[in-house]
N, C-alpha and C. Protein backbone atom coordinates (compact mmCIF):
# COMPACT_ATOMS: atom_id res chain seq x y z
N MET A 1 0.82 -1.20 0.00
CA MET A 1 0.00 0.00 0.00
C MET A 1 0.86 1.26 0.00
N PHE A 2 1.94 1.26 0.76
CA PHE A 2 2.85 2.40 0.78
C PHE A 2 3.43 2.65 -0.61
N THR A 3 3.74 1.60 -1.34
CA THR A 3 4.32 1.72 -2.68
C THR A 3 3.32 2.35 -3.64
N ASP A 4 2.04 1.97 -3.53
CA ASP A 4 1.01 2.54 -4.41
C ASP A 4 0.87 4.04 -4.17
N ARG A 5 0.85 4.47 -2.93
CA ARG A 5 0.75 5.91 -2.63
C ARG A 5 2.01 6.65 -3.07
N SER A 6 3.14 6.03 -2.86
CA SER A 6 4.40 6.65 -3.27
C SER A 6 4.46 6.79 -4.78
N LEU A 7 4.03 5.79 -5.49
CA LEU A 7 4.00 5.82 -6.95
C LEU A 7 3.01 6.87 -7.44
N LEU A 8 1.84 6.94 -6.83
CA LEU A 8 0.84 7.93 -7.18
C LEU A 8 1.37 9.34 -6.91
N PHE A 9 2.02 9.54 -5.77
CA PHE A 9 2.59 10.84 -5.44
C PHE A 9 3.64 11.25 -6.49
N ARG A 10 4.50 10.33 -6.86
CA ARG A 10 5.54 10.62 -7.86
C ARG A 10 4.92 10.96 -9.21
N ALA A 11 3.89 10.21 -9.59
CA ALA A 11 3.23 10.48 -10.87
C ALA A 11 2.59 11.87 -10.86
N CYS A 12 1.93 12.22 -9.76
CA CYS A 12 1.33 13.56 -9.64
C CYS A 12 2.39 14.64 -9.64
N LEU A 13 3.50 14.38 -8.98
CA LEU A 13 4.60 15.34 -8.94
C LEU A 13 5.18 15.56 -10.35
N VAL A 14 5.39 14.48 -11.08
CA VAL A 14 5.92 14.59 -12.45
C VAL A 14 4.94 15.33 -13.35
N LEU A 15 3.65 14.99 -13.27
CA LEU A 15 2.65 15.69 -14.07
C LEU A 15 2.57 17.17 -13.71
N SER A 16 2.60 17.48 -12.42
CA SER A 16 2.57 18.88 -11.98
C SER A 16 3.79 19.63 -12.50
N LEU A 17 4.94 19.03 -12.41
CA LEU A 17 6.17 19.64 -12.92
C LEU A 17 6.09 19.87 -14.42
N PHE A 18 5.56 18.87 -15.16
CA PHE A 18 5.40 18.98 -16.60
C PHE A 18 4.52 20.16 -16.95
N PHE A 19 3.34 20.26 -16.32
CA PHE A 19 2.41 21.35 -16.63
C PHE A 19 2.96 22.70 -16.17
N TRP A 20 3.70 22.74 -15.09
CA TRP A 20 4.31 23.99 -14.65
C TRP A 20 5.36 24.45 -15.66
N LEU A 21 6.22 23.53 -16.11
CA LEU A 21 7.22 23.88 -17.11
C LEU A 21 6.57 24.31 -18.41
N LEU A 22 5.51 23.63 -18.81
CA LEU A 22 4.80 23.98 -20.02
C LEU A 22 4.19 25.38 -19.90
N SER A 23 3.64 25.69 -18.76
CA SER A 23 3.00 27.00 -18.59
C SER A 23 4.01 28.14 -18.59
N ILE A 24 5.21 27.96 -18.05
CA ILE A 24 6.18 29.05 -18.07
C ILE A 24 6.90 29.12 -19.41
N GLN A 25 6.90 28.04 -20.16
CA GLN A 25 7.55 28.01 -21.45
C GLN A 25 6.65 28.53 -22.55
N SER A 26 5.36 28.41 -22.39
CA SER A 26 4.40 28.75 -23.43
C SER A 26 4.26 30.25 -23.60
N VAL A 27 4.16 30.67 -24.87
CA VAL A 27 3.84 32.06 -25.20
C VAL A 27 2.53 32.11 -25.99
N PHE A 28 1.74 31.09 -25.82
CA PHE A 28 0.42 30.96 -26.44
C PHE A 28 -0.58 31.47 -25.41
N TYR A 29 -0.92 32.76 -25.47
CA TYR A 29 -1.68 33.44 -24.42
C TYR A 29 -3.15 33.57 -24.75
N TRP A 30 -3.94 33.72 -23.70
CA TRP A 30 -5.37 33.97 -23.84
C TRP A 30 -5.58 35.40 -24.31
N ASN A 31 -6.33 35.58 -25.39
CA ASN A 31 -6.68 36.89 -25.90
C ASN A 31 -8.17 37.09 -25.65
N PRO A 32 -8.54 37.89 -24.64
CA PRO A 32 -9.95 38.04 -24.30
C PRO A 32 -10.79 38.63 -25.43
N SER A 33 -10.22 39.52 -26.26
CA SER A 33 -11.00 40.12 -27.34
C SER A 33 -11.34 39.09 -28.42
N GLU A 34 -10.48 38.09 -28.59
CA GLU A 34 -10.74 37.02 -29.56
C GLU A 34 -11.45 35.84 -28.91
N GLY A 35 -11.39 35.75 -27.58
CA GLY A 35 -11.98 34.63 -26.87
C GLY A 35 -11.26 33.32 -27.15
N ALA A 36 -9.94 33.43 -27.35
CA ALA A 36 -9.16 32.24 -27.68
C ALA A 36 -7.68 32.48 -27.33
N HIS A 37 -6.94 31.38 -27.28
CA HIS A 37 -5.49 31.48 -27.12
C HIS A 37 -4.88 31.92 -28.44
N GLU A 38 -3.80 32.70 -28.36
CA GLU A 38 -3.19 33.25 -29.55
C GLU A 38 -1.71 33.50 -29.31
N LEU A 39 -0.93 33.29 -30.33
CA LEU A 39 0.48 33.68 -30.32
C LEU A 39 0.55 34.93 -31.19
N ASN A 40 1.17 35.99 -30.71
CA ASN A 40 1.22 37.25 -31.45
C ASN A 40 2.61 37.86 -31.34
N VAL A 41 3.17 38.24 -32.50
CA VAL A 41 4.48 38.89 -32.56
C VAL A 41 4.33 40.08 -33.49
N GLN A 42 4.98 41.20 -33.17
CA GLN A 42 4.85 42.39 -34.00
C GLN A 42 6.18 43.11 -34.14
N ILE A 43 6.23 43.98 -35.18
CA ILE A 43 7.43 44.78 -35.44
C ILE A 43 7.01 46.06 -36.15
N GLU A 44 7.78 47.10 -35.93
CA GLU A 44 7.56 48.37 -36.62
C GLU A 44 8.44 48.38 -37.87
N VAL A 45 7.85 48.69 -39.02
CA VAL A 45 8.58 48.76 -40.28
C VAL A 45 8.52 50.20 -40.77
N ASP A 46 9.67 50.75 -41.12
CA ASP A 46 9.74 52.13 -41.60
C ASP A 46 9.39 52.16 -43.09
N ALA A 47 8.13 51.90 -43.36
CA ALA A 47 7.57 51.90 -44.72
C ALA A 47 6.07 52.02 -44.57
N SER A 48 5.41 52.39 -45.65
CA SER A 48 3.96 52.55 -45.58
C SER A 48 3.28 51.19 -45.42
N VAL A 49 2.07 51.23 -44.89
CA VAL A 49 1.27 50.02 -44.75
C VAL A 49 1.09 49.37 -46.12
N ASP A 50 0.85 50.19 -47.13
CA ASP A 50 0.65 49.69 -48.49
C ASP A 50 1.88 48.92 -48.99
N GLN A 51 3.07 49.45 -48.75
CA GLN A 51 4.30 48.77 -49.18
C GLN A 51 4.45 47.41 -48.50
N VAL A 52 4.22 47.37 -47.20
CA VAL A 52 4.39 46.13 -46.43
C VAL A 52 3.33 45.11 -46.86
N TYR A 53 2.10 45.57 -47.01
CA TYR A 53 1.01 44.70 -47.43
C TYR A 53 1.30 44.08 -48.80
N ASN A 54 1.71 44.89 -49.76
CA ASN A 54 2.01 44.40 -51.11
C ASN A 54 3.21 43.46 -51.11
N TYR A 55 4.20 43.76 -50.31
CA TYR A 55 5.40 42.91 -50.21
C TYR A 55 5.02 41.51 -49.75
N LEU A 56 4.20 41.41 -48.71
CA LEU A 56 3.82 40.10 -48.18
C LEU A 56 2.79 39.38 -49.04
N GLY A 57 2.16 40.09 -49.96
CA GLY A 57 1.22 39.46 -50.87
C GLY A 57 1.89 38.76 -52.03
N ASN A 58 3.20 38.91 -52.15
CA ASN A 58 3.96 38.30 -53.24
C ASN A 58 4.71 37.08 -52.70
N SER A 59 4.25 35.88 -53.05
CA SER A 59 4.85 34.64 -52.54
C SER A 59 6.31 34.48 -52.92
N GLU A 60 6.72 35.05 -54.03
CA GLU A 60 8.13 34.96 -54.46
C GLU A 60 9.08 35.60 -53.45
N LYS A 61 8.60 36.57 -52.71
CA LYS A 61 9.44 37.28 -51.73
C LYS A 61 9.77 36.42 -50.51
N ALA A 62 9.01 35.35 -50.28
CA ALA A 62 9.19 34.53 -49.06
C ALA A 62 10.60 33.99 -48.93
N LYS A 63 11.23 33.64 -50.06
CA LYS A 63 12.60 33.09 -49.95
C LYS A 63 13.59 34.15 -49.48
N SER A 64 13.23 35.43 -49.60
CA SER A 64 14.10 36.51 -49.11
C SER A 64 13.99 36.71 -47.61
N TRP A 65 12.79 36.50 -47.06
CA TRP A 65 12.60 36.84 -45.65
C TRP A 65 12.37 35.66 -44.72
N SER A 66 11.92 34.52 -45.23
CA SER A 66 11.57 33.42 -44.33
C SER A 66 12.78 32.59 -43.93
N VAL A 67 12.90 32.34 -42.63
CA VAL A 67 13.97 31.48 -42.12
C VAL A 67 13.52 30.02 -42.13
N TYR A 68 12.27 29.78 -42.43
CA TYR A 68 11.71 28.43 -42.33
C TYR A 68 11.23 27.89 -43.67
N VAL A 69 10.78 28.77 -44.55
CA VAL A 69 10.19 28.36 -45.83
C VAL A 69 11.20 28.60 -46.95
N SER A 70 11.39 27.57 -47.79
CA SER A 70 12.30 27.73 -48.93
C SER A 70 11.57 28.34 -50.13
N SER A 71 10.30 27.98 -50.30
CA SER A 71 9.53 28.52 -51.41
C SER A 71 8.04 28.34 -51.13
N ILE A 72 7.26 29.16 -51.83
CA ILE A 72 5.80 29.07 -51.76
C ILE A 72 5.31 28.99 -53.20
N ASN A 73 4.53 27.96 -53.48
CA ASN A 73 3.98 27.79 -54.83
C ASN A 73 2.47 27.94 -54.80
N ALA A 74 1.95 28.76 -55.70
CA ALA A 74 0.50 28.91 -55.82
C ALA A 74 -0.06 27.65 -56.44
N LEU A 75 -1.11 27.09 -55.84
CA LEU A 75 -1.71 25.86 -56.35
C LEU A 75 -2.91 26.11 -57.25
N ASN A 76 -3.49 27.30 -57.15
CA ASN A 76 -4.65 27.61 -58.00
C ASN A 76 -4.49 29.00 -58.64
N ALA A 77 -3.28 29.25 -59.16
CA ALA A 77 -2.95 30.56 -59.74
C ALA A 77 -3.82 30.89 -60.95
N GLU A 78 -4.35 29.87 -61.63
CA GLU A 78 -5.19 30.14 -62.80
C GLU A 78 -6.54 30.74 -62.39
N ALA A 79 -6.95 30.53 -61.15
CA ALA A 79 -8.25 31.01 -60.69
C ALA A 79 -8.15 32.21 -59.75
N TYR A 80 -7.04 32.30 -58.99
CA TYR A 80 -6.91 33.37 -58.00
C TYR A 80 -5.54 34.01 -58.08
N LYS A 81 -5.52 35.32 -57.94
CA LYS A 81 -4.26 36.06 -57.93
C LYS A 81 -3.53 35.79 -56.61
N ASP A 82 -2.21 35.69 -56.66
CA ASP A 82 -1.39 35.45 -55.47
C ASP A 82 -1.67 36.51 -54.41
N GLY A 83 -1.91 36.06 -53.20
CA GLY A 83 -2.15 36.98 -52.09
C GLY A 83 -3.60 37.38 -51.90
N GLU A 84 -4.48 36.97 -52.79
CA GLU A 84 -5.89 37.33 -52.70
C GLU A 84 -6.70 36.23 -52.03
N ALA A 85 -7.87 36.58 -51.52
CA ALA A 85 -8.76 35.59 -50.89
C ALA A 85 -9.08 34.49 -51.89
N GLY A 86 -9.00 33.24 -51.43
CA GLY A 86 -9.23 32.08 -52.28
C GLY A 86 -7.95 31.46 -52.80
N SER A 87 -6.86 32.21 -52.76
CA SER A 87 -5.57 31.70 -53.22
C SER A 87 -5.10 30.58 -52.29
N ILE A 88 -4.69 29.46 -52.89
CA ILE A 88 -4.15 28.34 -52.11
C ILE A 88 -2.68 28.18 -52.48
N ARG A 89 -1.84 28.11 -51.46
CA ARG A 89 -0.40 28.06 -51.68
C ARG A 89 0.19 26.88 -50.91
N ARG A 90 1.25 26.30 -51.47
CA ARG A 90 1.99 25.24 -50.79
C ARG A 90 3.32 25.82 -50.33
N CYS A 91 3.62 25.65 -49.03
CA CYS A 91 4.83 26.18 -48.42
C CYS A 91 5.79 25.03 -48.11
N TYR A 92 6.99 25.10 -48.67
CA TYR A 92 7.99 24.05 -48.47
C TYR A 92 9.01 24.48 -47.42
N VAL A 93 9.35 23.55 -46.53
CA VAL A 93 10.28 23.84 -45.44
C VAL A 93 11.72 23.73 -45.94
N LYS A 94 12.52 24.72 -45.56
CA LYS A 94 13.94 24.74 -45.94
C LYS A 94 14.64 23.48 -45.45
N GLY A 95 15.52 22.95 -46.31
CA GLY A 95 16.35 21.81 -45.93
C GLY A 95 15.65 20.48 -45.92
N SER A 96 14.37 20.43 -46.32
CA SER A 96 13.65 19.15 -46.28
C SER A 96 13.56 18.49 -47.66
N GLN A 97 14.19 19.10 -48.66
CA GLN A 97 14.11 18.61 -50.04
C GLN A 97 12.64 18.44 -50.46
N ASN A 98 11.83 19.39 -50.05
CA ASN A 98 10.40 19.45 -50.36
C ASN A 98 9.58 18.31 -49.78
N ALA A 99 10.13 17.58 -48.80
CA ALA A 99 9.38 16.51 -48.15
C ALA A 99 8.44 17.07 -47.09
N GLN A 100 8.84 18.17 -46.45
CA GLN A 100 7.99 18.81 -45.44
C GLN A 100 7.32 20.01 -46.08
N PHE A 101 6.00 20.03 -46.01
CA PHE A 101 5.27 21.17 -46.55
C PHE A 101 3.89 21.23 -45.90
N TRP A 102 3.26 22.37 -46.08
CA TRP A 102 1.86 22.53 -45.69
C TRP A 102 1.19 23.40 -46.73
N ASP A 103 -0.12 23.37 -46.74
CA ASP A 103 -0.90 24.21 -47.64
C ASP A 103 -1.60 25.28 -46.81
N GLU A 104 -1.85 26.40 -47.45
CA GLU A 104 -2.58 27.47 -46.78
C GLU A 104 -3.51 28.12 -47.79
N GLU A 105 -4.68 28.50 -47.30
CA GLU A 105 -5.64 29.21 -48.13
C GLU A 105 -5.89 30.57 -47.52
N ILE A 106 -5.86 31.59 -48.35
CA ILE A 106 -6.16 32.93 -47.85
C ILE A 106 -7.67 33.05 -47.74
N LEU A 107 -8.14 33.19 -46.51
CA LEU A 107 -9.57 33.25 -46.22
C LEU A 107 -10.10 34.68 -46.30
N ILE A 108 -9.34 35.61 -45.73
CA ILE A 108 -9.75 37.01 -45.69
C ILE A 108 -8.60 37.85 -46.22
N ASN A 109 -8.92 38.80 -47.07
CA ASN A 109 -7.92 39.72 -47.60
C ASN A 109 -8.52 41.12 -47.58
N GLU A 110 -8.21 41.87 -46.53
CA GLU A 110 -8.67 43.25 -46.42
C GLU A 110 -7.47 44.14 -46.70
N LYS A 111 -7.45 44.77 -47.85
CA LYS A 111 -6.31 45.55 -48.32
C LYS A 111 -5.78 46.49 -47.24
N ASN A 112 -4.47 46.39 -47.01
CA ASN A 112 -3.73 47.23 -46.06
C ASN A 112 -4.20 47.07 -44.61
N HIS A 113 -4.91 45.99 -44.34
CA HIS A 113 -5.39 45.78 -42.97
C HIS A 113 -5.14 44.36 -42.46
N LEU A 114 -5.56 43.36 -43.24
CA LEU A 114 -5.54 41.99 -42.73
C LEU A 114 -5.49 40.96 -43.85
N ARG A 115 -4.65 39.94 -43.64
CA ARG A 115 -4.72 38.70 -44.42
C ARG A 115 -4.85 37.58 -43.41
N GLN A 116 -5.87 36.75 -43.60
CA GLN A 116 -6.08 35.59 -42.72
C GLN A 116 -5.94 34.33 -43.56
N LEU A 117 -5.11 33.41 -43.07
CA LEU A 117 -4.82 32.19 -43.81
C LEU A 117 -5.11 30.96 -42.96
N SER A 118 -5.75 29.97 -43.55
CA SER A 118 -5.92 28.70 -42.87
C SER A 118 -4.73 27.81 -43.22
N ILE A 119 -4.28 27.03 -42.27
CA ILE A 119 -3.15 26.13 -42.46
C ILE A 119 -3.69 24.70 -42.39
N PHE A 120 -3.36 23.91 -43.41
CA PHE A 120 -3.86 22.53 -43.46
C PHE A 120 -2.90 21.67 -44.27
N ASN A 121 -3.18 20.38 -44.31
CA ASN A 121 -2.39 19.43 -45.09
C ASN A 121 -0.91 19.45 -44.69
N LEU A 122 -0.65 19.40 -43.40
CA LEU A 122 0.73 19.39 -42.91
C LEU A 122 1.35 18.01 -43.17
N ASN A 123 2.45 17.98 -43.88
CA ASN A 123 3.09 16.73 -44.26
C ASN A 123 4.47 16.59 -43.65
N ASN A 124 4.70 15.45 -43.00
CA ASN A 124 6.01 15.07 -42.44
C ASN A 124 6.48 15.98 -41.31
N PHE A 125 5.54 16.42 -40.46
CA PHE A 125 5.88 17.20 -39.29
C PHE A 125 5.76 16.33 -38.04
N LEU A 126 6.64 16.56 -37.09
CA LEU A 126 6.60 15.81 -35.84
C LEU A 126 5.31 16.12 -35.07
N LEU A 127 4.95 17.40 -35.02
CA LEU A 127 3.72 17.83 -34.36
C LEU A 127 2.81 18.48 -35.39
N THR A 128 1.55 18.12 -35.37
CA THR A 128 0.56 18.78 -36.23
C THR A 128 -0.67 19.10 -35.39
N ALA A 129 -1.46 20.02 -35.89
CA ALA A 129 -2.72 20.38 -35.23
C ALA A 129 -3.71 20.80 -36.31
N ASP A 130 -4.97 20.61 -36.02
CA ASP A 130 -6.02 20.96 -36.98
C ASP A 130 -6.56 22.35 -36.70
N HIS A 131 -7.14 22.96 -37.73
CA HIS A 131 -7.88 24.23 -37.64
C HIS A 131 -6.99 25.41 -37.24
N LEU A 132 -5.74 25.42 -37.70
CA LEU A 132 -4.85 26.54 -37.39
C LEU A 132 -5.09 27.69 -38.35
N ILE A 133 -5.06 28.89 -37.80
CA ILE A 133 -5.21 30.12 -38.58
C ILE A 133 -4.03 31.02 -38.25
N THR A 134 -3.50 31.65 -39.28
CA THR A 134 -2.48 32.67 -39.05
C THR A 134 -2.97 33.97 -39.69
N GLU A 135 -2.61 35.07 -39.07
CA GLU A 135 -3.00 36.36 -39.60
C GLU A 135 -1.79 37.27 -39.75
N GLN A 136 -1.85 38.07 -40.80
CA GLN A 136 -0.92 39.18 -40.99
C GLN A 136 -1.77 40.43 -40.79
N ARG A 137 -1.45 41.20 -39.76
CA ARG A 137 -2.23 42.41 -39.46
C ARG A 137 -1.36 43.64 -39.72
N TYR A 138 -1.94 44.62 -40.37
CA TYR A 138 -1.22 45.82 -40.76
C TYR A 138 -1.94 47.03 -40.19
N SER A 139 -1.18 47.93 -39.55
CA SER A 139 -1.77 49.20 -39.11
C SER A 139 -0.70 50.28 -39.16
N GLU A 140 -1.16 51.50 -39.36
CA GLU A 140 -0.23 52.63 -39.45
C GLU A 140 0.17 53.07 -38.05
N ASN A 141 1.48 53.26 -37.83
CA ASN A 141 1.94 53.75 -36.54
C ASN A 141 1.98 55.29 -36.54
N GLU A 142 2.36 55.88 -35.44
CA GLU A 142 2.34 57.34 -35.29
C GLU A 142 3.28 58.06 -36.25
N GLU A 143 4.36 57.38 -36.65
CA GLU A 143 5.35 57.98 -37.56
C GLU A 143 5.00 57.79 -39.02
N GLY A 144 3.87 57.17 -39.32
CA GLY A 144 3.47 56.92 -40.70
C GLY A 144 4.02 55.63 -41.26
N GLY A 145 4.71 54.87 -40.42
CA GLY A 145 5.21 53.56 -40.82
C GLY A 145 4.15 52.50 -40.58
N CYS A 146 4.59 51.26 -40.61
CA CYS A 146 3.65 50.14 -40.47
C CYS A 146 3.96 49.31 -39.24
N LEU A 147 2.94 49.05 -38.45
CA LEU A 147 3.04 48.06 -37.39
C LEU A 147 2.54 46.76 -38.01
N LEU A 148 3.45 45.79 -38.13
CA LEU A 148 3.12 44.50 -38.74
C LEU A 148 3.05 43.46 -37.64
N GLU A 149 1.96 42.71 -37.62
CA GLU A 149 1.76 41.66 -36.62
C GLU A 149 1.53 40.33 -37.31
N PHE A 150 2.16 39.29 -36.79
CA PHE A 150 1.86 37.91 -37.18
C PHE A 150 1.21 37.26 -35.97
N SER A 151 0.13 36.54 -36.20
CA SER A 151 -0.52 35.82 -35.11
C SER A 151 -0.89 34.42 -35.56
N LEU A 152 -1.06 33.54 -34.59
CA LEU A 152 -1.43 32.15 -34.84
C LEU A 152 -2.44 31.75 -33.78
N PHE A 153 -3.54 31.12 -34.20
CA PHE A 153 -4.57 30.68 -33.27
C PHE A 153 -5.39 29.57 -33.93
N PHE A 154 -6.29 29.00 -33.16
CA PHE A 154 -7.19 27.97 -33.68
C PHE A 154 -8.50 28.60 -34.12
N LYS A 155 -8.99 28.19 -35.29
CA LYS A 155 -10.26 28.70 -35.79
C LYS A 155 -11.42 28.13 -34.97
N GLU A 156 -11.30 26.89 -34.56
CA GLU A 156 -12.32 26.22 -33.76
C GLU A 156 -11.69 25.83 -32.44
N ASN A 157 -12.53 25.51 -31.47
CA ASN A 157 -11.99 25.05 -30.19
C ASN A 157 -11.11 23.83 -30.43
N PRO A 158 -9.85 23.91 -30.03
CA PRO A 158 -8.95 22.78 -30.28
C PRO A 158 -9.18 21.66 -29.27
N SER A 159 -8.77 20.47 -29.66
CA SER A 159 -8.78 19.37 -28.71
C SER A 159 -7.74 19.67 -27.63
N PHE A 160 -7.85 18.99 -26.52
CA PHE A 160 -6.89 19.19 -25.43
C PHE A 160 -5.47 18.89 -25.92
N ILE A 161 -5.32 17.84 -26.72
CA ILE A 161 -4.00 17.44 -27.23
C ILE A 161 -3.45 18.51 -28.18
N ASP A 162 -4.28 19.04 -29.09
CA ASP A 162 -3.82 20.08 -30.01
C ASP A 162 -3.42 21.34 -29.24
N GLN A 163 -4.19 21.68 -28.22
CA GLN A 163 -3.85 22.86 -27.42
C GLN A 163 -2.54 22.63 -26.68
N LEU A 164 -2.35 21.45 -26.15
CA LEU A 164 -1.11 21.10 -25.46
C LEU A 164 0.08 21.20 -26.42
N LYS A 165 -0.08 20.68 -27.64
CA LYS A 165 0.97 20.76 -28.64
C LYS A 165 1.32 22.20 -28.96
N MET A 166 0.30 23.05 -29.06
CA MET A 166 0.55 24.45 -29.38
C MET A 166 1.30 25.15 -28.26
N HIS A 167 0.92 24.87 -27.03
CA HIS A 167 1.66 25.44 -25.90
C HIS A 167 3.11 24.98 -25.94
N PHE A 168 3.32 23.72 -26.24
CA PHE A 168 4.67 23.16 -26.28
C PHE A 168 5.50 23.79 -27.41
N ALA A 169 4.90 23.98 -28.59
CA ALA A 169 5.63 24.48 -29.76
C ALA A 169 5.63 26.00 -29.86
N SER A 170 4.93 26.69 -28.99
CA SER A 170 4.73 28.13 -29.15
C SER A 170 6.03 28.94 -29.16
N ARG A 171 6.99 28.57 -28.33
CA ARG A 171 8.26 29.31 -28.31
C ARG A 171 9.02 29.16 -29.63
N ILE A 172 8.95 27.98 -30.22
CA ILE A 172 9.61 27.73 -31.50
C ILE A 172 8.95 28.58 -32.59
N VAL A 173 7.61 28.57 -32.62
CA VAL A 173 6.87 29.36 -33.60
C VAL A 173 7.14 30.85 -33.38
N GLN A 174 7.15 31.30 -32.13
CA GLN A 174 7.42 32.70 -31.83
C GLN A 174 8.80 33.10 -32.36
N ASN A 175 9.80 32.26 -32.16
CA ASN A 175 11.14 32.55 -32.64
C ASN A 175 11.18 32.67 -34.16
N ILE A 176 10.48 31.78 -34.85
CA ILE A 176 10.42 31.84 -36.32
C ILE A 176 9.72 33.13 -36.76
N PHE A 177 8.59 33.46 -36.13
CA PHE A 177 7.88 34.69 -36.46
C PHE A 177 8.78 35.91 -36.25
N GLU A 178 9.48 35.96 -35.12
CA GLU A 178 10.35 37.11 -34.82
C GLU A 178 11.45 37.26 -35.87
N GLN A 179 12.09 36.15 -36.22
CA GLN A 179 13.15 36.21 -37.24
C GLN A 179 12.58 36.64 -38.60
N ASN A 180 11.42 36.10 -38.95
CA ASN A 180 10.81 36.47 -40.22
C ASN A 180 10.44 37.95 -40.26
N LEU A 181 9.84 38.45 -39.18
CA LEU A 181 9.48 39.86 -39.13
C LEU A 181 10.72 40.75 -39.22
N HIS A 182 11.78 40.36 -38.55
CA HIS A 182 13.03 41.12 -38.62
C HIS A 182 13.55 41.15 -40.06
N ASN A 183 13.52 40.02 -40.74
CA ASN A 183 13.98 39.95 -42.12
C ASN A 183 13.10 40.75 -43.07
N ILE A 184 11.79 40.74 -42.84
CA ILE A 184 10.87 41.55 -43.64
C ILE A 184 11.20 43.02 -43.48
N LYS A 185 11.37 43.44 -42.24
CA LYS A 185 11.73 44.83 -41.94
C LYS A 185 13.02 45.23 -42.66
N LEU A 186 14.06 44.41 -42.52
CA LEU A 186 15.34 44.73 -43.15
C LEU A 186 15.22 44.81 -44.66
N ASP A 187 14.55 43.84 -45.27
CA ASP A 187 14.43 43.80 -46.72
C ASP A 187 13.66 45.01 -47.25
N ILE A 188 12.53 45.32 -46.63
CA ILE A 188 11.71 46.45 -47.10
C ILE A 188 12.45 47.76 -46.89
N GLU A 189 13.02 47.95 -45.70
CA GLU A 189 13.70 49.21 -45.41
C GLU A 189 14.96 49.39 -46.25
N MET A 190 15.67 48.31 -46.51
CA MET A 190 16.89 48.39 -47.33
C MET A 190 16.51 48.79 -48.77
N LYS A 191 15.46 48.21 -49.30
CA LYS A 191 15.02 48.54 -50.67
C LYS A 191 14.46 49.96 -50.73
N ALA A 192 13.81 50.40 -49.66
CA ALA A 192 13.24 51.77 -49.64
C ALA A 192 14.35 52.82 -49.59
N ASN A 193 15.47 52.49 -48.94
CA ASN A 193 16.57 53.45 -48.78
C ASN A 193 17.63 53.32 -49.87
N ALA A 194 17.43 52.39 -50.81
CA ALA A 194 18.44 52.18 -51.88
C ALA A 194 18.32 53.21 -52.96
């Protein structure tokens, strides 16, 4: 009987430690205005909202700024213009020889304000989750430049396992978003000042 209680205590201790570590490691926060958990990263770009919006609407530019994606191919270019609502694109992961990829569809395209993309068909990833949405949000800052935000959240209530995976992977995703935003800023500002 002592062994059973000791084993149960250890299991509870390990689970508590796991969830505590997960909670301090996670950057997947509750957003009360959205009523959902969200990862959000932003940067100020010394360029107009229109310039930043148009730059990110061109899939060919991704190889210049993305630390994670080697290329983006439009899958329905004959029906939809790149960057517009309805456009479906395949994103290939750098260094995977095109074995790792996902597809995304642009759901909402509000010029100079918002692009919302659904993420699906994740292939050859260690962790996957369903119903992921990413947004590119654009707003003018006080200096006339652009505040660019990348966010990631679930479109529908996620399963407990998907939510756990997102908390676990959130720091990795945040780091990729931060590096990408930095590269976007550098590329746009360098071209504007050339």
